[in-house]
Amino acid sequence: MSSETKQTRENIYRLDGLSKVFKFTFLQTIKSKSYRVSFIIFVLVMIMQKPINYFTSRAGHASTDAKATVSAESIDTIYFSNESGLPMDVNEIKKDLSAKTEDEAGKQVADKITSIKQTADETVKSLGAKDCLVVISRGEEGFAVKGVVAEETEVDVSEVDALAGFFEEEFTTAKQEQSGITEEDIKMLQNGISVEKLASYTEYNGSSDEDVTKTQFMGYALTFAIIIFLVSSMGASYVIGSVTEEKTSKLVESLLVTVRPMALLLGKILGMLAYVLMTLLTGIIGAKIIDIVMFDVMKLEPIQGTETMFDFGVLTKFGYGMTALFIVTLLFGFLAFGILAGMLGSACSKTEDIQSATGTVMMISMAGYLGSVFIGGLSAAWAPTVLALVPPFTFFSLPVLFACGKIGVGVLVGGFAVQAVLVVLFAWLMAKTYRNLLLADNSKPKLGALLKALKA
């Protein structure tokens, strides 16, 4: 091996000047008016998301409570199964329904309610197309009210939804009357009720033993996927624009005299990453302060169902250990998309190519985002493992899957290993192609340009 070849390979992997590029990039983002505005807006959104969700949900609950009409025109029989351990008289329930509903239709609904003597599982299997079952059960996490229909049902979903809400109110009232405790204790008991208002036979059996419902999991998964999509897009846009500007202005030729190609690109990515982390941490701290003010200082009552809304609080919801896993995944995802963006940016020969390069990164990121949400909604046993181990889905799903009990520690470690290997592979490709692409004038911002540069 010649000394020239050896020296070239050494130069490829050296990180001389990394710290200087990192500091310069980070300071430039802080000094930039647009990035300061973005920082303020992003932090405010993170801080205000929980109050917005809370008061929006409370307004929705108030609107629902104001409507006392319960209809069941598409239902022939309403089976009621009380597995809560708390005595409830079905005749009293019928009387309450008739009293709360002004029209004759409400009284007809009451006549359709019948208590079952067999178990809810046995009844679910025999439900007809125009039947529904309302089950009140008790588990380790508290009580649950479910409306269950047959797989091939002709029942109107909104009617089952209204029935489940009515039985929730009846159960709450019965629990309060039989408890014999103070008003403050009653309020605490109200927070222990969760309502899954509609489930088919398969969903009923599949989710009855889970701590996190499918609706809650999808809410958490969607929120985290959006966060990863936002930060990766933000970083990719900056890196591509910066690299292209330096290349088209010929500034990069001067920079490469003192800074190695890998150090130049990694410094930009890490500088932007520091800005993103600063934004997220500021928002997390602010959101935590708002949470304390709302529920510890103002003593507001938590509202069931707000956890399914988009909320940046998912990053801290599962404890500090899970927050660390969320941050690690975010770091890996940002590095992977940032390095890819840098390589594509270096293939741009004019500013008009920026849109094409950014579009390629956005396309891959969007595929990861949409794929993680779609596959996450499937009930197949293989879906969580695929999301955890297959890129780019792993960046958008891994910590949420583990936090919600969808995967074990082994798959979690495997997912992080896949992410780490992918980042290292991208860094290796960058070292092989970055210098050639920076100095080329006729490259196109496509993945094919990277493969050609790799062979050079």
Protein backbone atom coordinates (compact mmCIF):
# COMPACT_ATOMS: atom_id res chain seq x y z
CA MET A 1 0.00 0.00 0.00
CA SER A 2 1.44 3.37 -1.01
CA SER A 3 1.97 6.13 1.54
CA GLU A 4 -0.35 8.38 -0.50
CA THR A 5 -3.23 5.88 -0.27
CA LYS A 6 -2.62 5.36 3.43
CA GLN A 7 -2.59 9.10 4.05
CA THR A 8 -5.85 9.51 2.08
CA ARG A 9 -7.61 6.87 4.17
CA GLU A 10 -6.34 8.45 7.37
CA ASN A 11 -7.68 11.83 6.23
CA ILE A 12 -11.09 10.33 5.47
CA TYR A 13 -11.71 9.23 9.04
CA ARG A 14 -9.94 11.98 10.98
CA LEU A 15 -12.11 14.41 12.98
CA ASP A 16 -9.75 17.36 13.12
CA GLY A 17 -11.77 20.55 13.45
CA LEU A 18 -14.97 18.78 14.61
CA SER A 19 -15.32 20.87 17.78
CA LYS A 20 -14.83 24.14 15.87
CA VAL A 21 -17.52 23.27 13.33
CA PHE A 22 -19.84 22.12 16.12
CA LYS A 23 -19.45 25.35 18.09
CA PHE A 24 -19.83 27.50 14.99
CA THR A 25 -23.00 25.69 13.87
CA PHE A 26 -24.61 25.80 17.31
CA LEU A 27 -23.83 29.49 17.79
CA GLN A 28 -25.13 30.31 14.32
CA THR A 29 -28.49 28.68 15.08
CA ILE A 30 -28.76 30.67 18.32
CA LYS A 31 -27.85 33.92 16.56
CA SER A 32 -30.24 33.28 13.68
CA LYS A 33 -33.53 35.15 14.11
CA SER A 34 -35.52 32.43 12.34
CA TYR A 35 -34.16 29.70 14.60
CA ARG A 36 -34.80 31.81 17.72
CA VAL A 37 -38.39 32.24 16.60
CA SER A 38 -38.64 28.50 15.88
CA PHE A 39 -37.26 27.77 19.35
CA ILE A 40 -39.86 29.98 21.04
CA ILE A 41 -42.76 28.57 19.00
CA PHE A 42 -41.72 24.94 19.51
CA VAL A 43 -41.27 25.38 23.27
CA LEU A 44 -44.61 27.20 23.60
CA VAL A 45 -46.37 24.40 21.71
CA MET A 46 -44.84 21.79 24.02
CA ILE A 47 -45.77 23.77 27.13
CA MET A 48 -49.33 24.66 26.10
CA GLN A 49 -50.27 21.29 24.58
CA LYS A 50 -51.42 19.76 27.86
CA PRO A 51 -53.64 22.72 28.94
CA ILE A 52 -55.15 22.82 25.43
CA ASN A 53 -55.86 19.08 25.49
CA TYR A 54 -57.28 19.29 29.01
CA PHE A 55 -59.70 22.14 28.50
CA THR A 56 -60.73 20.90 25.04
CA SER A 57 -61.50 17.48 26.51
CA ARG A 58 -63.35 19.00 29.46
CA ALA A 59 -65.48 21.05 27.09
CA GLY A 60 -66.24 17.89 25.14
CA HIS A 61 -67.22 16.03 28.30
CA ALA A 62 -69.47 18.90 29.34
CA SER A 63 -71.13 18.89 25.93
CA THR A 64 -71.66 15.12 26.09
CA ASP A 65 -73.05 15.27 29.63
CA ALA A 66 -75.55 17.91 28.54
CA LYS A 67 -77.15 15.41 26.16
CA ALA A 68 -79.29 12.95 28.09
CA THR A 69 -80.87 11.18 25.13
CA VAL A 70 -79.83 7.55 24.66
CA SER A 71 -81.15 5.73 21.61
CA ALA A 72 -80.89 2.11 20.48
CA GLU A 73 -82.91 1.93 17.27
CA SER A 74 -80.45 -0.49 15.64
CA ILE A 75 -80.21 -2.73 18.74
CA ASP A 76 -82.65 -5.54 19.57
CA THR A 77 -81.18 -6.65 22.90
CA ILE A 78 -78.82 -4.90 25.33
CA TYR A 79 -77.11 -7.47 27.56
CA PHE A 80 -75.61 -6.20 30.81
CA SER A 81 -72.83 -7.99 32.68
CA ASN A 82 -71.65 -6.65 36.04
CA GLU A 83 -68.25 -8.18 36.89
CA SER A 84 -67.10 -5.27 39.05
CA GLY A 85 -68.00 -6.87 42.37
CA LEU A 86 -70.20 -3.86 43.17
CA PRO A 87 -73.96 -4.66 43.45
CA MET A 88 -76.07 -2.96 40.77
CA ASP A 89 -79.82 -3.45 40.30
CA VAL A 90 -80.73 -3.66 36.60
CA ASN A 91 -84.28 -2.52 37.40
CA GLU A 92 -82.93 0.67 38.99
CA ILE A 93 -80.79 1.23 35.92
CA LYS A 94 -83.88 0.98 33.71
CA LYS A 95 -85.73 3.46 35.92
CA ASP A 96 -82.86 5.93 35.77
CA LEU A 97 -82.69 5.65 31.99
CA SER A 98 -86.42 6.28 31.66
CA ALA A 99 -86.24 9.23 34.06
CA LYS A 100 -83.26 10.87 32.36
CA THR A 101 -84.72 10.57 28.88
CA GLU A 102 -87.71 12.73 28.07
CA ASP A 103 -88.94 11.02 24.91
CA GLU A 104 -90.63 7.64 24.50
CA ALA A 105 -87.58 6.23 22.69
CA GLY A 106 -85.63 6.29 25.94
CA LYS A 107 -88.22 4.13 27.68
CA GLN A 108 -88.02 1.68 24.78
CA VAL A 109 -84.26 1.47 25.27
CA ALA A 110 -84.78 0.61 28.94
CA ASP A 111 -87.02 -2.29 27.97
CA LYS A 112 -84.23 -3.76 25.83
CA ILE A 113 -81.79 -4.03 28.77
CA THR A 114 -81.47 -7.48 30.30
CA SER A 115 -79.02 -8.81 32.88
CA ILE A 116 -77.13 -12.02 32.03
CA LYS A 117 -76.35 -14.88 34.38
CA GLN A 118 -73.57 -16.45 32.33
CA THR A 119 -70.10 -14.93 31.95
CA ALA A 120 -69.41 -12.04 29.59
CA ASP A 121 -67.07 -14.23 27.51
CA GLU A 122 -69.84 -16.75 26.84
CA THR A 123 -72.31 -14.00 25.93
CA VAL A 124 -69.86 -12.28 23.56
CA LYS A 125 -69.53 -15.46 21.49
CA SER A 126 -73.30 -15.70 21.00
CA LEU A 127 -74.05 -12.04 20.20
CA GLY A 128 -76.35 -11.52 17.22
CA ALA A 129 -75.93 -8.90 14.51
CA LYS A 130 -78.33 -6.54 16.33
CA ASP A 131 -77.20 -7.27 19.89
CA CYS A 132 -74.69 -5.55 22.12
CA LEU A 133 -73.16 -6.29 25.49
CA VAL A 134 -72.17 -3.74 28.12
CA VAL A 135 -69.58 -5.11 30.55
CA ILE A 136 -68.42 -3.46 33.77
CA SER A 137 -65.27 -5.19 34.98
CA ARG A 138 -62.57 -4.70 37.57
CA GLY A 139 -58.84 -5.15 37.14
CA GLU A 140 -55.58 -4.22 38.85
CA GLU A 141 -55.64 -0.74 37.29
CA GLY A 142 -59.27 0.01 38.27
CA PHE A 143 -62.67 -0.40 36.66
CA ALA A 144 -63.55 -0.51 32.97
CA VAL A 145 -66.79 -0.12 31.01
CA LYS A 146 -66.91 -1.74 27.57
CA GLY A 147 -69.50 -1.89 24.83
CA VAL A 148 -69.07 -5.09 22.82
CA VAL A 149 -70.69 -6.04 19.49
CA ALA A 150 -70.49 -9.07 17.19
CA GLU A 151 -67.86 -9.29 14.47
CA GLU A 152 -70.56 -9.00 11.76
CA THR A 153 -72.67 -6.34 13.44
CA GLU A 154 -75.47 -4.14 12.15
CA VAL A 155 -75.47 -2.00 15.29
CA ASP A 156 -74.88 1.76 15.05
CA VAL A 157 -71.53 2.52 16.72
CA SER A 158 -72.75 5.85 18.12
CA GLU A 159 -75.61 4.10 19.97
CA VAL A 160 -73.20 1.71 21.70
CA ASP A 161 -71.02 4.69 22.54
CA ALA A 162 -73.94 6.47 24.21
CA LEU A 163 -74.95 3.32 26.11
CA ALA A 164 -71.42 2.82 27.45
CA GLY A 165 -71.39 6.43 28.64
CA PHE A 166 -74.75 5.96 30.39
CA PHE A 167 -73.61 2.80 32.19
CA GLU A 168 -70.43 4.60 33.20
CA GLU A 169 -72.53 7.28 34.92
CA GLU A 170 -74.71 4.64 36.61
CA PHE A 171 -71.68 2.77 37.89
CA THR A 172 -70.08 5.96 39.19
CA THR A 173 -73.27 6.89 41.03
CA ALA A 174 -73.64 3.41 42.55
CA LYS A 175 -70.03 3.39 43.66
CA GLN A 176 -70.39 6.76 45.33
CA GLU A 177 -73.63 5.85 47.12
CA GLN A 178 -72.24 2.58 48.50
CA SER A 179 -68.81 3.89 49.49
CA GLY A 180 -69.87 6.05 52.43
CA ILE A 181 -66.77 8.28 52.11
CA THR A 182 -66.12 12.00 51.71
CA GLU A 183 -66.55 14.08 48.54
CA GLU A 184 -62.76 14.33 48.02
CA ASP A 185 -62.43 10.56 48.19
CA ILE A 186 -65.29 10.21 45.70
CA LYS A 187 -63.44 12.45 43.23
CA MET A 188 -60.40 10.22 43.53
CA LEU A 189 -62.53 7.16 42.81
CA GLN A 190 -63.90 8.80 39.67
CA ASN A 191 -60.39 9.00 38.26
CA GLY A 192 -60.09 5.21 38.51
CA ILE A 193 -62.63 4.52 35.74
CA SER A 194 -61.56 4.03 32.15
CA VAL A 195 -64.01 3.58 29.29
CA GLU A 196 -63.40 1.56 26.14
CA LYS A 197 -66.72 2.22 24.48
CA LEU A 198 -66.65 -0.18 21.54
CA ALA A 199 -64.88 -3.46 20.87
CA SER A 200 -65.48 -6.47 18.67
CA TYR A 201 -65.15 -10.01 20.04
CA THR A 202 -61.52 -10.24 18.85
CA GLU A 203 -60.56 -6.86 20.29
CA TYR A 204 -62.39 -7.65 23.53
CA ASN A 205 -60.40 -10.83 24.13
CA GLY A 206 -57.16 -9.38 22.78
CA SER A 207 -57.06 -6.27 24.97
CA SER A 208 -58.78 -7.34 28.18
CA ASP A 209 -55.52 -8.27 29.91
CA GLU A 210 -53.42 -5.33 28.66
CA ASP A 211 -52.40 -2.40 30.85
CA VAL A 212 -52.43 -0.01 27.87
CA THR A 213 -55.42 -0.06 25.55
CA LYS A 214 -55.03 -0.08 21.78
CA THR A 215 -56.40 3.47 21.58
CA GLN A 216 -53.89 4.71 24.16
CA PHE A 217 -51.01 2.93 22.40
CA MET A 218 -51.93 4.48 19.06
CA GLY A 219 -52.08 7.91 20.70
CA TYR A 220 -48.60 7.52 22.19
CA ALA A 221 -47.19 5.99 18.98
CA LEU A 222 -48.59 8.77 16.80
CA THR A 223 -47.22 11.46 19.11
CA PHE A 224 -43.70 10.03 19.21
CA ALA A 225 -43.66 9.43 15.45
CA ILE A 226 -44.62 13.06 14.86
CA ILE A 227 -41.85 14.25 17.20
CA ILE A 228 -39.21 12.19 15.37
CA PHE A 229 -40.55 13.37 12.00
CA LEU A 230 -40.42 17.03 13.07
CA VAL A 231 -36.90 17.00 14.50
CA SER A 232 -35.41 14.88 11.70
CA SER A 233 -37.01 17.13 9.07
CA MET A 234 -35.73 20.24 10.84
CA GLY A 235 -32.18 18.89 10.99
CA ALA A 236 -32.17 17.57 7.42
CA SER A 237 -33.37 20.87 6.01
CA TYR A 238 -30.63 22.82 7.80
CA VAL A 239 -27.81 20.39 6.90
CA ILE A 240 -28.74 20.20 3.20
CA GLY A 241 -29.06 23.98 2.91
CA SER A 242 -25.77 24.63 4.71
CA VAL A 243 -23.75 22.06 2.76
CA THR A 244 -25.15 23.21 -0.59
CA GLU A 245 -24.47 26.87 0.18
CA GLU A 246 -20.84 26.15 1.06
CA LYS A 247 -20.39 24.05 -2.07
CA THR A 248 -21.96 26.51 -4.52
CA SER A 249 -20.05 29.45 -3.01
CA LYS A 250 -16.75 27.52 -3.25
CA LEU A 251 -16.27 28.12 0.50
CA VAL A 252 -15.97 24.38 1.07
CA GLU A 253 -12.68 24.25 -0.87
CA SER A 254 -11.13 26.59 1.69
CA LEU A 255 -12.66 24.72 4.62
CA LEU A 256 -11.29 21.36 3.49
CA VAL A 257 -7.76 22.70 3.87
CA THR A 258 -8.08 22.70 7.67
CA VAL A 259 -11.14 20.51 8.33
CA ARG A 260 -11.60 16.93 7.22
CA PRO A 261 -14.82 16.09 5.31
CA MET A 262 -16.24 13.83 8.06
CA ALA A 263 -15.50 16.43 10.74
CA LEU A 264 -17.16 19.12 8.63
CA LEU A 265 -20.40 17.21 8.17
CA LEU A 266 -20.56 15.67 11.68
CA GLY A 267 -19.88 19.07 13.21
CA LYS A 268 -22.89 20.52 11.40
CA ILE A 269 -25.13 17.60 12.38
CA LEU A 270 -24.07 17.61 16.03
CA GLY A 271 -24.39 21.40 16.22
CA MET A 272 -27.95 21.21 14.94
CA LEU A 273 -28.62 18.26 17.25
CA ALA A 274 -27.54 20.34 20.24
CA TYR A 275 -30.04 23.02 19.20
CA VAL A 276 -32.85 20.43 18.90
CA LEU A 277 -32.02 18.87 22.27
CA MET A 278 -31.92 22.30 23.90
CA THR A 279 -35.38 23.00 22.45
CA LEU A 280 -36.82 19.66 23.58
CA LEU A 281 -35.37 19.82 27.09
CA THR A 282 -36.63 23.38 27.57
CA GLY A 283 -40.07 22.30 26.39
CA ILE A 284 -40.09 19.19 28.62
CA ILE A 285 -39.15 21.22 31.70
CA GLY A 286 -41.77 23.84 30.88
CA ALA A 287 -44.44 21.18 30.30
CA LYS A 288 -43.58 19.54 33.62
CA ILE A 289 -43.95 22.87 35.43
CA ILE A 290 -47.37 23.41 33.78
CA ASP A 291 -48.37 19.89 34.83
CA ILE A 292 -47.46 20.62 38.46
CA VAL A 293 -49.34 23.92 38.38
CA MET A 294 -52.49 22.34 36.90
CA PHE A 295 -52.81 19.25 39.06
CA ASP A 296 -50.83 20.02 42.25
CA VAL A 297 -51.38 23.76 42.68
CA MET A 298 -54.75 24.36 40.98
CA LYS A 299 -56.00 20.87 41.97
CA LEU A 300 -57.65 20.23 38.60
CA GLU A 301 -59.16 16.78 38.18
CA PRO A 302 -57.53 14.60 35.48
CA ILE A 303 -59.85 13.76 32.59
CA GLN A 304 -59.91 10.24 31.20
CA GLY A 305 -59.00 10.04 27.52
CA THR A 306 -56.59 12.96 27.22
CA GLU A 307 -53.68 10.52 26.98
CA THR A 308 -54.84 9.56 23.48
CA MET A 309 -54.42 13.15 22.22
CA PHE A 310 -51.24 14.53 20.70
CA ASP A 311 -49.12 15.54 23.68
CA PHE A 312 -45.35 16.07 23.99
CA GLY A 313 -45.75 14.82 27.56
CA VAL A 314 -45.39 11.27 26.20
CA LEU A 315 -41.61 11.81 26.49
CA THR A 316 -41.87 11.91 30.31
CA LYS A 317 -45.10 9.97 30.91
CA PHE A 318 -43.40 6.62 31.57
CA GLY A 319 -40.70 7.81 33.98
CA TYR A 320 -37.13 9.05 33.69
CA GLY A 321 -35.78 5.70 32.49
CA MET A 322 -38.12 5.64 29.52
CA THR A 323 -37.42 9.32 28.87
CA ALA A 324 -33.76 8.36 28.44
CA LEU A 325 -34.73 5.65 25.93
CA PHE A 326 -36.85 8.17 24.01
CA ILE A 327 -33.90 10.57 23.86
CA VAL A 328 -31.48 7.84 22.73
CA THR A 329 -33.83 6.87 19.89
CA LEU A 330 -34.18 10.51 18.96
CA LEU A 331 -30.37 10.85 18.85
CA PHE A 332 -29.95 7.81 16.60
CA GLY A 333 -32.77 8.95 14.32
CA PHE A 334 -31.43 12.47 14.04
CA LEU A 335 -27.91 11.22 13.25
CA ALA A 336 -29.16 8.75 10.62
CA PHE A 337 -31.32 11.27 8.77
CA GLY A 338 -28.78 14.06 9.30
CA ILE A 339 -25.90 12.10 7.79
CA LEU A 340 -28.06 11.05 4.84
CA ALA A 341 -29.11 14.69 4.37
CA GLY A 342 -25.48 15.81 4.42
CA MET A 343 -24.46 13.32 1.77
CA LEU A 344 -27.38 14.28 -0.46
CA GLY A 345 -26.64 17.97 0.12
CA SER A 346 -23.05 17.47 -0.97
CA ALA A 347 -24.38 16.04 -4.24
CA CYS A 348 -26.20 19.29 -5.04
CA SER A 349 -24.43 21.45 -7.61
CA LYS A 350 -26.84 24.41 -7.43
CA THR A 351 -29.38 25.83 -5.01
CA GLU A 352 -32.25 24.53 -7.16
CA ASP A 353 -31.19 21.00 -6.23
CA ILE A 354 -31.92 21.58 -2.52
CA GLN A 355 -35.60 20.83 -2.97
CA SER A 356 -34.87 17.50 -4.63
CA ALA A 357 -32.38 16.46 -1.93
CA THR A 358 -34.71 17.52 0.87
CA GLY A 359 -37.58 15.68 -0.83
CA THR A 360 -35.60 12.43 -0.82
CA VAL A 361 -34.96 12.63 2.94
CA MET A 362 -38.56 13.68 3.60
CA MET A 363 -39.84 10.76 1.53
CA ILE A 364 -37.86 8.25 3.61
CA SER A 365 -38.86 9.99 6.83
CA MET A 366 -42.52 10.08 5.79
CA ALA A 367 -42.39 6.38 4.92
CA GLY A 368 -41.09 5.65 8.41
CA TYR A 369 -43.75 7.82 10.01
CA LEU A 370 -46.74 6.51 8.04
CA GLY A 371 -45.49 2.93 8.14
CA SER A 372 -45.04 2.97 11.91
CA VAL A 373 -48.58 4.29 12.41
CA PHE A 374 -50.15 1.85 9.92
CA ILE A 375 -48.31 -1.28 11.09
CA GLY A 376 -48.79 -0.21 14.72
CA GLY A 377 -52.55 -0.32 14.18
CA LEU A 378 -52.45 -3.96 13.07
CA SER A 379 -53.35 -6.68 15.56
CA ALA A 380 -50.89 -9.20 14.03
CA ALA A 381 -48.38 -10.71 16.45
CA TRP A 382 -45.45 -9.92 14.15
CA ALA A 383 -46.23 -6.19 13.85
CA PRO A 384 -44.39 -4.94 17.01
CA THR A 385 -41.25 -6.92 16.16
CA VAL A 386 -41.19 -5.56 12.59
CA LEU A 387 -41.59 -1.99 13.85
CA ALA A 388 -38.83 -2.47 16.42
CA LEU A 389 -36.22 -4.06 14.15
CA VAL A 390 -36.83 -2.81 10.59
CA PRO A 391 -35.55 0.66 9.54
CA PRO A 392 -36.78 3.30 9.18
CA PHE A 393 -39.75 2.22 11.35
CA THR A 394 -37.54 1.48 14.35
CA PHE A 395 -36.66 5.17 14.78
CA PHE A 396 -40.35 6.09 14.97
CA SER A 397 -41.61 3.27 17.18
CA LEU A 398 -39.04 1.46 19.34
CA PRO A 399 -39.35 3.15 22.78
CA VAL A 400 -43.16 3.42 22.61
CA LEU A 401 -43.44 -0.31 21.86
CA PHE A 402 -41.35 -1.13 24.93
CA ALA A 403 -43.10 1.39 27.19
CA CYS A 404 -46.51 -0.07 26.28
CA GLY A 405 -45.40 -3.67 26.78
CA LYS A 406 -45.56 -4.63 23.08
CA ILE A 407 -41.95 -5.92 23.00
CA GLY A 408 -39.51 -7.33 25.54
CA VAL A 409 -36.01 -6.29 26.58
CA GLY A 410 -34.39 -8.56 23.98
CA VAL A 411 -36.21 -6.94 21.05
CA LEU A 412 -35.53 -3.49 22.56
CA VAL A 413 -31.78 -4.18 22.64
CA GLY A 414 -31.98 -5.58 19.12
CA GLY A 415 -33.75 -2.45 17.93
CA PHE A 416 -31.07 -0.18 19.39
CA ALA A 417 -28.41 -2.39 17.82
CA VAL A 418 -30.08 -1.96 14.40
CA GLN A 419 -30.20 1.80 14.87
CA ALA A 420 -26.55 1.98 15.95
CA VAL A 421 -25.37 -0.20 13.06
CA LEU A 422 -27.34 1.93 10.59
CA VAL A 423 -25.78 5.14 11.92
CA VAL A 424 -22.28 3.64 11.74
CA LEU A 425 -22.97 2.38 8.20
CA PHE A 426 -24.14 5.82 7.12
CA ALA A 427 -21.05 7.38 8.69
CA TRP A 428 -18.83 4.92 6.79
CA LEU A 429 -20.64 5.75 3.53
CA MET A 430 -20.23 9.44 4.31
CA ALA A 431 -16.51 9.06 4.81
CA LYS A 432 -16.25 7.26 1.47
CA THR A 433 -18.36 9.61 -0.59
CA TYR A 434 -18.52 13.03 1.04
CA ARG A 435 -15.26 14.51 -0.27
CA ASN A 436 -15.84 13.29 -3.84
CA LEU A 437 -19.37 14.71 -3.89
CA LEU A 438 -18.34 18.05 -2.41
CA LEU A 439 -15.78 18.69 -5.11
CA ALA A 440 -17.94 17.42 -7.98
CA ASP A 441 -20.00 19.85 -10.06
CA ASN A 442 -22.23 17.49 -12.03
CA SER A 443 -23.73 15.24 -9.35
CA LYS A 444 -27.48 14.97 -8.86
CA PRO A 445 -29.04 14.96 -5.36
CA LYS A 446 -30.19 11.35 -5.60
CA LEU A 447 -29.22 8.10 -3.91
CA GLY A 448 -27.62 6.94 -7.15
CA ALA A 449 -25.02 9.71 -6.88
CA LEU A 450 -23.97 8.35 -3.49
CA LEU A 451 -23.41 4.86 -4.89
CA LYS A 452 -21.28 6.21 -7.73
CA ALA A 453 -19.18 8.25 -5.32
CA LEU A 454 -18.72 5.18 -3.14
CA LYS A 455 -17.05 3.33 -6.02
CA ALA A 456 -14.76 6.27 -6.82
